[in-house]
N, C-alpha and C. Protein backbone atom coordinates (compact mmCIF):
# COMPACT_ATOMS: atom_id res chain seq x y z
N UNK A 1 -23.26 20.77 -10.68
CA UNK A 1 -22.99 20.09 -9.80
C UNK A 1 -21.70 19.12 -10.22
N UNK A 2 -20.87 19.12 -9.41
CA UNK A 2 -19.55 18.32 -9.20
C UNK A 2 -19.59 17.14 -9.12
N UNK A 3 -19.11 16.12 -10.07
CA UNK A 3 -19.20 14.79 -10.19
C UNK A 3 -18.12 14.15 -8.91
N UNK A 4 -18.70 13.29 -8.27
CA UNK A 4 -17.78 12.75 -7.26
C UNK A 4 -17.81 11.31 -7.71
N UNK A 5 -16.70 10.71 -6.86
CA UNK A 5 -16.32 9.02 -7.34
C UNK A 5 -17.56 8.25 -6.81
N UNK A 6 -18.30 8.82 -5.52
CA UNK A 6 -19.13 8.26 -4.85
C UNK A 6 -20.38 8.11 -6.01
N UNK A 7 -20.52 9.02 -6.51
CA UNK A 7 -21.75 9.34 -7.46
C UNK A 7 -21.71 8.25 -8.62
N UNK A 8 -20.16 8.34 -9.43
CA UNK A 8 -20.24 7.24 -10.23
C UNK A 8 -20.29 6.00 -9.68
N UNK A 9 -19.72 5.67 -8.75
CA UNK A 9 -19.68 4.23 -8.07
C UNK A 9 -21.51 3.94 -8.09
N UNK A 10 -22.21 4.67 -7.76
CA UNK A 10 -23.30 4.62 -7.45
C UNK A 10 -24.13 4.26 -8.83
N UNK A 11 -23.72 5.05 -9.42
CA UNK A 11 -24.43 5.11 -10.88
C UNK A 11 -24.05 3.56 -11.60
N UNK A 12 -22.95 3.12 -11.33
CA UNK A 12 -22.32 1.96 -11.96
C UNK A 12 -22.99 0.86 -11.09
N UNK A 13 -23.19 0.74 -10.04
CA UNK A 13 -23.79 -0.43 -9.19
C UNK A 13 -25.31 -0.32 -9.78
N UNK A 14 -25.79 0.85 -9.79
CA UNK A 14 -27.36 0.91 -10.28
C UNK A 14 -27.31 0.10 -12.09
N UNK A 15 -26.48 0.51 -12.70
CA UNK A 15 -26.56 -0.03 -13.92
C UNK A 15 -26.22 -1.51 -13.86
N UNK A 16 -25.19 -2.10 -13.35
CA UNK A 16 -24.98 -3.33 -13.04
C UNK A 16 -26.23 -4.23 -12.26
N UNK A 17 -26.99 -3.52 -11.50
CA UNK A 17 -28.13 -4.26 -10.72
C UNK A 17 -29.41 -4.32 -11.74
N UNK A 18 -29.17 -3.49 -12.86
CA UNK A 18 -30.33 -3.35 -14.05
C UNK A 18 -29.55 -4.35 -15.01
N UNK A 19 -28.79 -4.65 -15.42
CA UNK A 19 -28.01 -5.53 -16.24
C UNK A 19 -28.41 -7.04 -15.94
N UNK A 20 -29.11 -7.57 -16.61
CA UNK A 20 -29.20 -9.02 -16.62
C UNK A 20 -28.08 -9.92 -16.64
N UNK A 21 -28.02 -10.96 -15.84
CA UNK A 21 -26.94 -11.91 -15.98
C UNK A 21 -26.98 -12.80 -17.15
N UNK A 22 -26.09 -12.94 -18.03
CA UNK A 22 -26.14 -13.76 -19.44
C UNK A 22 -26.33 -15.06 -18.86
N UNK A 23 -27.50 -15.85 -19.53
CA UNK A 23 -27.89 -17.04 -19.36
C UNK A 23 -28.90 -17.12 -18.23
N UNK A 24 -29.15 -16.33 -17.41
CA UNK A 24 -30.06 -16.40 -16.31
C UNK A 24 -30.77 -14.81 -15.95
N UNK A 25 -31.88 -14.68 -16.89
CA UNK A 25 -32.47 -13.33 -17.00
C UNK A 25 -33.25 -13.33 -15.77
N UNK A 26 -33.11 -14.09 -14.44
CA UNK A 26 -34.03 -13.81 -13.29
C UNK A 26 -33.09 -13.13 -12.08
N UNK A 27 -31.85 -13.09 -12.55
CA UNK A 27 -31.01 -12.29 -11.50
C UNK A 27 -30.03 -11.39 -12.08
N UNK A 28 -29.70 -10.24 -11.43
CA UNK A 28 -29.13 -9.03 -12.01
C UNK A 28 -27.36 -9.46 -12.40
N UNK A 29 -26.81 -8.71 -12.80
CA UNK A 29 -25.31 -8.92 -12.88
C UNK A 29 -24.63 -8.53 -11.55
N UNK A 30 -25.31 -7.60 -11.00
CA UNK A 30 -24.93 -7.31 -9.65
C UNK A 30 -25.05 -8.11 -8.70
N UNK A 31 -26.03 -8.96 -8.74
CA UNK A 31 -26.33 -9.97 -7.44
C UNK A 31 -25.62 -11.42 -8.09
N UNK A 32 -25.37 -11.35 -8.87
CA UNK A 32 -24.19 -12.46 -9.50
C UNK A 32 -22.86 -12.25 -9.04
N UNK A 33 -22.56 -11.00 -9.18
CA UNK A 33 -21.50 -10.72 -8.74
C UNK A 33 -21.11 -10.73 -6.95
N UNK A 34 -22.12 -10.19 -6.24
CA UNK A 34 -22.10 -10.47 -5.09
C UNK A 34 -22.12 -11.91 -4.71
N UNK A 35 -22.69 -12.75 -5.20
CA UNK A 35 -22.90 -14.22 -5.02
C UNK A 35 -21.07 -14.78 -5.23
N UNK A 36 -20.53 -14.11 -6.28
CA UNK A 36 -19.06 -14.43 -6.48
C UNK A 36 -18.31 -14.39 -5.43
N UNK A 37 -18.61 -13.00 -4.96
CA UNK A 37 -17.47 -12.36 -3.84
C UNK A 37 -17.32 -13.42 -2.62
N UNK A 38 -18.81 -14.25 -2.39
CA UNK A 38 -18.50 -15.06 -1.11
C UNK A 38 -18.38 -16.62 -1.62
N UNK A 39 -18.46 -16.94 -2.80
CA UNK A 39 -17.98 -18.46 -3.12
C UNK A 39 -16.70 -18.26 -4.20
N UNK A 40 -16.12 -17.54 -4.69
CA UNK A 40 -15.19 -17.56 -5.44
C UNK A 40 -13.82 -16.91 -4.97
N UNK A 41 -12.75 -17.48 -4.96
CA UNK A 41 -11.48 -17.25 -4.62
C UNK A 41 -10.77 -15.95 -5.33
N UNK A 42 -11.02 -16.04 -6.81
CA UNK A 42 -10.42 -15.25 -7.67
C UNK A 42 -11.82 -14.67 -8.79
N UNK A 43 -11.75 -13.62 -9.48
CA UNK A 43 -12.69 -12.76 -10.08
C UNK A 43 -12.28 -13.30 -11.77
N UNK A 44 -13.70 -13.48 -12.45
CA UNK A 44 -13.32 -13.83 -13.98
C UNK A 44 -13.08 -12.78 -14.52
N UNK A 45 -12.31 -12.71 -15.28
CA UNK A 45 -11.54 -11.40 -15.84
C UNK A 45 -12.92 -10.58 -16.94
N UNK A 46 -13.64 -11.59 -17.48
CA UNK A 46 -14.53 -11.00 -18.12
C UNK A 46 -15.64 -10.20 -17.39
N UNK A 47 -15.85 -10.78 -15.90
CA UNK A 47 -16.81 -10.03 -15.06
C UNK A 47 -16.17 -8.62 -14.72
N UNK A 48 -14.80 -8.97 -14.31
CA UNK A 48 -14.40 -7.34 -14.30
C UNK A 48 -14.04 -6.58 -15.55
N UNK A 49 -13.97 -7.17 -16.81
CA UNK A 49 -14.44 -6.20 -17.78
C UNK A 49 -15.70 -5.71 -17.91
N UNK A 50 -16.82 -6.31 -17.54
CA UNK A 50 -18.08 -5.56 -17.74
C UNK A 50 -18.11 -4.52 -16.77
N UNK A 51 -17.52 -4.68 -15.58
CA UNK A 51 -17.54 -3.50 -14.39
C UNK A 51 -16.95 -2.31 -14.96
N UNK A 52 -15.53 -2.67 -15.66
CA UNK A 52 -14.72 -1.56 -16.06
C UNK A 52 -15.59 -0.84 -17.31
N UNK A 53 -15.98 -1.62 -18.09
CA UNK A 53 -16.96 -0.98 -19.27
C UNK A 53 -18.10 -0.05 -18.59
N UNK A 54 -18.57 -0.51 -17.61
CA UNK A 54 -19.54 0.50 -17.14
C UNK A 54 -18.87 1.59 -16.39
N UNK A 55 -17.62 1.58 -16.00
CA UNK A 55 -17.08 2.78 -14.96
C UNK A 55 -16.65 3.85 -16.53
N UNK A 56 -16.16 2.97 -17.53
CA UNK A 56 -15.48 3.70 -18.71
C UNK A 56 -16.94 4.68 -19.33
N UNK A 57 -18.03 4.07 -19.21
CA UNK A 57 -19.30 4.99 -20.01
C UNK A 57 -19.73 6.05 -19.05
N UNK A 58 -19.37 5.79 -17.76
CA UNK A 58 -19.65 6.77 -16.97
C UNK A 58 -18.43 7.96 -16.93
N UNK A 59 -17.31 7.58 -16.93
CA UNK A 59 -16.29 8.49 -17.18
C UNK A 59 -16.39 9.40 -18.60
N UNK A 60 -16.83 8.31 -19.69
CA UNK A 60 -16.89 9.30 -21.14
C UNK A 60 -18.07 10.37 -20.98
N UNK A 61 -18.93 10.51 -19.98
CA UNK A 61 -19.88 11.44 -19.91
C UNK A 61 -19.32 12.77 -19.21
N UNK A 62 -18.00 12.51 -18.86
CA UNK A 62 -17.49 13.72 -18.01
C UNK A 62 -16.58 14.70 -18.90
N UNK A 63 -16.30 15.81 -18.50
CA UNK A 63 -15.36 16.57 -19.52
C UNK A 63 -14.23 16.49 -18.74
N UNK A 64 -13.07 17.09 -19.56
CA UNK A 64 -11.64 16.81 -19.02
C UNK A 64 -11.44 17.62 -17.62
N UNK A 65 -12.12 18.68 -17.29
CA UNK A 65 -11.82 19.63 -16.04
C UNK A 65 -12.43 18.52 -15.06
N UNK A 66 -13.56 17.59 -15.06
CA UNK A 66 -13.90 16.91 -14.04
C UNK A 66 -13.07 15.62 -13.83
N UNK A 67 -12.61 15.13 -15.07
CA UNK A 67 -11.69 13.92 -15.09
C UNK A 67 -10.38 14.13 -14.34
N UNK A 68 -10.08 15.54 -14.48
CA UNK A 68 -8.60 16.10 -13.70
C UNK A 68 -9.02 15.86 -12.26
N UNK A 69 -10.30 16.62 -11.88
CA UNK A 69 -10.42 16.79 -10.84
C UNK A 69 -10.40 15.74 -9.80
N UNK A 70 -11.25 14.61 -10.29
CA UNK A 70 -11.55 13.21 -10.15
C UNK A 70 -10.04 12.43 -9.60
N UNK A 71 -9.39 12.49 -10.89
CA UNK A 71 -7.93 11.95 -10.86
C UNK A 71 -7.21 12.52 -9.57
N UNK A 72 -7.38 13.62 -9.24
CA UNK A 72 -6.14 14.22 -8.57
C UNK A 72 -6.65 13.68 -6.89
N UNK A 73 -7.84 13.36 -6.95
CA UNK A 73 -8.17 12.83 -5.78
C UNK A 73 -8.06 11.36 -5.34
N UNK A 74 -7.71 10.54 -6.35
CA UNK A 74 -7.46 9.02 -6.53
C UNK A 74 -6.03 8.91 -5.97
N UNK A 75 -5.71 7.92 -5.55
CA UNK A 75 -4.65 7.47 -4.82
C UNK A 75 -3.19 7.36 -5.95
N UNK A 76 -3.56 6.74 -7.18
CA UNK A 76 -2.69 6.61 -7.92
C UNK A 76 -2.13 8.06 -8.58
N UNK A 77 -3.06 9.10 -8.66
CA UNK A 77 -2.69 10.57 -8.99
C UNK A 77 -1.80 10.92 -8.00
N UNK A 78 -1.82 10.68 -6.64
CA UNK A 78 -0.98 11.34 -5.64
C UNK A 78 0.59 10.74 -5.85
N UNK A 79 0.75 9.51 -6.00
CA UNK A 79 1.92 9.25 -6.50
C UNK A 79 2.76 9.81 -7.57
N UNK A 80 2.01 10.41 -8.72
CA UNK A 80 2.32 10.81 -9.77
C UNK A 80 2.35 12.18 -9.74
N UNK A 81 1.80 12.58 -8.82
CA UNK A 81 1.85 14.43 -8.47
C UNK A 81 3.23 14.59 -7.60
N UNK A 82 3.35 13.77 -6.68
CA UNK A 82 4.17 13.84 -5.59
C UNK A 82 5.55 13.78 -6.55
N UNK A 83 5.61 12.78 -7.62
CA UNK A 83 6.88 12.69 -8.38
C UNK A 83 7.09 13.92 -9.47
N UNK A 84 5.98 14.54 -9.73
CA UNK A 84 5.83 15.83 -10.46
C UNK A 84 5.79 15.33 -11.82
N UNK A 85 5.20 14.24 -12.24
CA UNK A 85 4.94 13.39 -13.55
C UNK A 85 3.69 13.60 -13.95
N UNK A 86 3.68 14.23 -15.22
CA UNK A 86 2.26 14.48 -16.07
C UNK A 86 1.75 13.41 -16.34
N UNK A 87 0.26 13.32 -16.65
CA UNK A 87 -0.48 12.36 -17.15
C UNK A 87 -1.40 12.74 -18.18
N UNK A 88 -1.35 11.93 -19.22
CA UNK A 88 -2.26 12.30 -20.35
C UNK A 88 -3.70 11.90 -19.72
N UNK A 89 -4.94 12.34 -20.57
CA UNK A 89 -6.10 11.80 -20.01
C UNK A 89 -6.45 10.41 -20.22
N UNK A 90 -5.91 9.75 -21.06
CA UNK A 90 -5.95 8.38 -21.13
C UNK A 90 -5.44 7.80 -19.69
N UNK A 91 -4.36 8.23 -19.48
CA UNK A 91 -3.63 7.50 -18.21
C UNK A 91 -4.33 8.14 -17.28
N UNK A 92 -5.15 8.92 -16.97
CA UNK A 92 -6.07 9.43 -15.91
C UNK A 92 -7.29 8.51 -16.06
N UNK A 93 -7.62 8.33 -17.11
CA UNK A 93 -9.03 7.61 -16.86
C UNK A 93 -8.74 5.92 -16.62
N UNK A 94 -7.41 5.57 -16.85
CA UNK A 94 -7.20 4.22 -16.73
C UNK A 94 -6.81 4.12 -15.12
N UNK A 95 -6.35 5.38 -14.60
CA UNK A 95 -5.99 5.59 -13.24
C UNK A 95 -7.29 5.34 -12.44
N UNK A 96 -8.26 6.15 -12.97
CA UNK A 96 -9.73 6.12 -12.41
C UNK A 96 -10.21 5.25 -12.25
N UNK A 97 -10.43 4.27 -13.67
CA UNK A 97 -11.02 3.07 -13.70
C UNK A 97 -10.47 2.12 -12.69
N UNK A 98 -9.12 2.12 -12.38
CA UNK A 98 -8.67 0.98 -11.36
C UNK A 98 -9.17 1.54 -9.78
N UNK A 99 -9.06 2.76 -9.70
CA UNK A 99 -9.53 3.22 -8.51
C UNK A 99 -11.08 3.16 -8.32
N UNK A 100 -11.96 3.36 -9.12
CA UNK A 100 -13.22 3.08 -8.90
C UNK A 100 -13.86 1.52 -9.15
N UNK A 101 -12.94 0.92 -9.84
CA UNK A 101 -13.22 -0.80 -9.81
C UNK A 101 -13.23 -1.18 -8.54
N UNK A 102 -12.25 -0.66 -7.41
CA UNK A 102 -11.82 -1.23 -6.19
C UNK A 102 -13.29 -0.48 -5.40
N UNK A 103 -13.36 0.55 -5.75
CA UNK A 103 -14.81 1.00 -4.66
C UNK A 103 -15.86 0.50 -5.10
N UNK A 104 -16.11 0.10 -6.35
CA UNK A 104 -17.41 -0.99 -6.51
C UNK A 104 -17.16 -2.28 -6.22
N UNK A 105 -15.94 -2.61 -6.23
CA UNK A 105 -15.75 -4.27 -5.66
C UNK A 105 -16.10 -3.93 -3.62
N UNK A 106 -15.61 -3.04 -3.32
CA UNK A 106 -15.89 -2.67 -1.97
C UNK A 106 -17.22 -2.59 -1.56
N UNK A 107 -18.03 -2.04 -2.68
CA UNK A 107 -19.58 -1.80 -2.42
C UNK A 107 -20.38 -3.38 -2.43
N UNK A 108 -19.66 -4.07 -3.33
CA UNK A 108 -20.26 -5.66 -3.14
C UNK A 108 -20.05 -6.13 -1.59
N UNK A 109 -19.46 -5.96 -0.95
CA UNK A 109 -19.33 -6.55 0.35
C UNK A 109 -20.04 -6.16 1.20
N UNK A 110 -21.24 -6.88 1.80
CA UNK A 110 -22.29 -6.20 2.46
C UNK A 110 -21.70 -6.02 4.14
N UNK A 111 -20.45 -6.14 4.38
CA UNK A 111 -19.70 -5.85 5.48
C UNK A 111 -19.09 -4.85 5.59
N UNK A 112 -18.86 -4.19 4.35
CA UNK A 112 -17.90 -2.97 3.95
C UNK A 112 -18.93 -1.77 4.31
N UNK A 113 -18.31 -0.92 5.17
CA UNK A 113 -18.79 0.49 5.31
C UNK A 113 -17.78 1.33 5.05
N UNK A 114 -18.08 2.75 4.53
CA UNK A 114 -17.46 3.52 4.19
C UNK A 114 -17.74 4.67 5.16
N UNK A 115 -17.21 5.76 5.36
CA UNK A 115 -17.27 6.90 6.33
C UNK A 115 -16.55 6.73 7.64
N UNK A 116 -15.88 5.90 7.76
CA UNK A 116 -15.34 5.50 9.10
C UNK A 116 -13.83 6.41 9.04
N UNK A 117 -13.34 6.75 9.97
CA UNK A 117 -11.78 7.28 9.79
C UNK A 117 -11.17 6.27 10.44
N UNK A 118 -11.50 5.26 11.05
CA UNK A 118 -10.73 4.11 11.36
C UNK A 118 -11.04 2.84 10.63
N UNK A 119 -9.86 1.98 10.39
CA UNK A 119 -10.62 0.63 9.80
C UNK A 119 -11.04 -0.34 10.81
N UNK A 120 -10.74 0.06 12.03
CA UNK A 120 -11.31 -0.73 12.83
C UNK A 120 -12.49 -0.84 13.58
N UNK A 121 -13.76 -1.33 13.72
CA UNK A 121 -14.70 -1.08 14.45
C UNK A 121 -15.01 -2.09 15.28
N UNK A 122 -15.26 -1.82 16.63
CA UNK A 122 -15.46 -2.94 18.00
C UNK A 122 -16.63 -3.61 17.49
N UNK A 123 -16.76 -4.95 17.73
CA UNK A 123 -18.29 -5.51 17.53
C UNK A 123 -18.96 -5.15 18.38
N UNK A 124 -20.47 -4.67 18.09
CA UNK A 124 -21.06 -4.44 19.18
C UNK A 124 -21.50 -5.40 20.47
N UNK A 125 -21.21 -6.64 19.97
CA UNK A 125 -21.24 -7.54 21.43
C UNK A 125 -20.30 -7.26 22.52
N UNK A 126 -19.32 -6.83 22.36
CA UNK A 126 -18.37 -6.40 23.16
C UNK A 126 -18.46 -5.31 24.06
N UNK A 127 -19.51 -4.73 23.67
CA UNK A 127 -19.78 -3.20 24.67
C UNK A 127 -20.66 -3.78 25.91
N UNK A 128 -20.00 -3.21 26.86
CA UNK A 128 -20.57 -3.44 28.23
C UNK A 128 -21.41 -2.38 28.99
N UNK A 129 -22.36 -2.81 29.43
CA UNK A 129 -23.10 -1.55 30.17
C UNK A 129 -22.23 -1.06 31.23
N UNK A 130 -22.75 0.09 31.98
CA UNK A 130 -21.80 0.42 33.32
C UNK A 130 -21.92 -0.27 34.35
N UNK A 131 -23.43 -1.01 34.14
CA UNK A 131 -23.46 -1.71 35.66
C UNK A 131 -22.43 -2.93 35.30
N UNK A 132 -22.67 -3.80 34.29
CA UNK A 132 -21.56 -5.18 33.94
C UNK A 132 -20.18 -4.47 34.39
N UNK A 133 -19.91 -3.12 33.84
CA UNK A 133 -18.45 -2.89 34.18
C UNK A 133 -18.04 -2.76 35.98
N UNK A 134 -19.31 -2.06 36.51
CA UNK A 134 -19.12 -1.98 38.02
C UNK A 134 -19.01 -3.50 38.52
N UNK A 135 -19.69 -4.53 38.23
CA UNK A 135 -19.46 -5.61 38.52
C UNK A 135 -18.26 -6.42 38.17
N UNK A 136 -17.47 -6.18 37.15
CA UNK A 136 -16.38 -6.40 36.81
C UNK A 136 -15.44 -5.98 37.92
N UNK A 137 -15.27 -4.83 38.15
CA UNK A 137 -14.78 -4.29 39.00
C UNK A 137 -14.94 -4.65 40.83
N UNK A 138 -16.21 -4.90 41.04
CA UNK A 138 -16.47 -5.40 42.06
C UNK A 138 -15.99 -6.72 42.26
N UNK A 139 -15.69 -7.77 41.28
CA UNK A 139 -15.17 -8.93 41.51
C UNK A 139 -13.82 -9.16 41.68
N UNK A 140 -12.97 -7.94 41.47
CA UNK A 140 -11.45 -8.21 41.32
C UNK A 140 -11.28 -7.61 42.78
N UNK A 141 -10.08 -8.10 43.06
CA UNK A 141 -9.48 -7.79 44.42
C UNK A 141 -9.42 -6.47 44.88
N UNK A 142 -9.68 -6.09 45.86
CA UNK A 142 -10.11 -4.51 46.01
C UNK A 142 -8.88 -4.43 46.91
N UNK A 143 -8.07 -3.20 46.57
CA UNK A 143 -7.14 -2.73 47.32
C UNK A 143 -7.37 -1.62 48.63
N UNK A 144 -6.56 -1.74 49.32
CA UNK A 144 -6.93 -1.12 50.67
C UNK A 144 -6.49 0.66 50.01
N UNK A 145 -7.28 1.29 50.92
CA UNK A 145 -7.32 2.88 50.30
C UNK A 145 -5.71 3.34 50.83
N UNK A 146 -5.11 4.07 50.34
CA UNK A 146 -4.05 4.91 50.71
C UNK A 146 -4.36 6.27 50.84
N UNK A 147 -3.47 6.83 51.68
CA UNK A 147 -3.57 8.16 51.77
C UNK A 147 -2.59 9.00 51.02
N UNK A 148 -2.93 9.55 49.94
CA UNK A 148 -1.65 9.96 48.80
C UNK A 148 -1.49 11.30 49.10
N UNK A 149 -2.14 11.93 50.03
CA UNK A 149 -1.65 13.49 50.40
C UNK A 149 -0.72 13.59 51.55
N UNK A 150 -0.20 12.26 52.11
CA UNK A 150 0.72 12.23 53.16
C UNK A 150 2.11 12.44 52.23
N UNK A 151 3.03 13.29 53.27
CA UNK A 151 4.21 13.38 52.61
C UNK A 151 5.17 12.18 52.66
N UNK A 152 6.13 11.79 52.02
CA UNK A 152 6.80 10.80 52.08
C UNK A 152 8.18 10.79 52.58
N UNK A 153 8.65 10.28 53.54
CA UNK A 153 10.17 11.27 53.98
C UNK A 153 10.76 9.75 53.61
N UNK A 154 12.16 10.37 53.11
CA UNK A 154 12.88 9.20 52.92
C UNK A 154 13.52 7.94 54.02
N UNK A 155 13.25 8.85 55.30
CA UNK A 155 13.65 8.12 56.32
C UNK A 155 12.80 6.93 56.69
N UNK A 156 11.62 7.10 56.34
CA UNK A 156 10.30 5.82 56.60
C UNK A 156 10.95 4.59 55.76
N UNK A 157 11.74 4.79 54.53
CA UNK A 157 11.67 3.61 53.70
C UNK A 157 13.18 3.24 53.87
N UNK A 158 14.23 4.03 54.26
CA UNK A 158 15.53 3.94 54.21
C UNK A 158 16.40 4.33 55.47
N UNK A 159 16.91 3.37 56.18
CA UNK A 159 17.62 4.00 57.20
C UNK A 159 18.83 4.06 56.98
N UNK A 160 19.92 5.07 57.56
CA UNK A 160 21.14 5.42 57.14
C UNK A 160 21.91 4.44 57.00
N UNK A 161 21.76 3.13 57.34
CA UNK A 161 22.54 2.03 56.98
C UNK A 161 22.44 1.50 55.62
N UNK A 162 21.53 1.58 54.79
CA UNK A 162 21.15 1.51 53.67
C UNK A 162 22.21 1.77 52.63
N UNK A 163 22.46 3.01 52.75
CA UNK A 163 23.53 3.49 51.97
C UNK A 163 24.64 4.09 52.82
N UNK A 164 25.95 3.63 52.15
CA UNK A 164 27.17 4.59 52.79
C UNK A 164 27.48 6.00 52.12
N UNK A 165 28.14 6.33 52.66
CA UNK A 165 28.52 7.90 51.82
C UNK A 165 28.90 7.73 50.40
N UNK A 166 29.67 6.70 49.94
CA UNK A 166 30.21 6.52 48.83
C UNK A 166 29.15 6.48 47.83
N UNK A 167 28.18 5.47 48.12
CA UNK A 167 26.98 5.22 47.03
C UNK A 167 26.14 6.42 47.11
N UNK A 168 26.06 7.27 48.16
CA UNK A 168 25.14 8.44 47.77
C UNK A 168 25.68 9.52 46.96
N UNK A 169 27.32 9.25 46.95
CA UNK A 169 27.93 10.60 46.08
C UNK A 169 27.59 10.24 44.75
N UNK A 170 27.23 8.90 44.49
CA UNK A 170 27.13 8.45 42.86
C UNK A 170 25.60 8.94 42.55
N UNK A 171 24.66 9.34 43.60
CA UNK A 171 23.39 9.78 43.00
C UNK A 171 23.13 11.09 42.73
């Protein structure tokens, strides 16, 4: 079974959820991180190091072939591959750690959802039922119906005095 970045992120999150927060054994490190997300403007480098250590543990379980496959799918690899630059296994792991760290951080945000092709999701409260839409149309000023099938003849709009012959030549 091929290892995916989603599986690695799942394993890291599970590991962090089982890891007790130092000094407070009643909450997990993952819960602590989620609380930090909403209360702090910056991240403590020690907390990030713990996440990176868990990611590194997961990457160390993989063989080189799986590392290369995962690396080729990350954004940092695309830049290097486009430039034709080779990367060592350590550089690949470093790129993967940064990429996976971002995905773990995204997972902390309860409002974050993956799998959408668009970065914008309309709020559910803005949706209107078809009846509400019909009411909105009824409230608007109604326009008089026109017969679009009728041919429009230029003479109906412009009489011969509107254009003199010199102006007609310019068209």
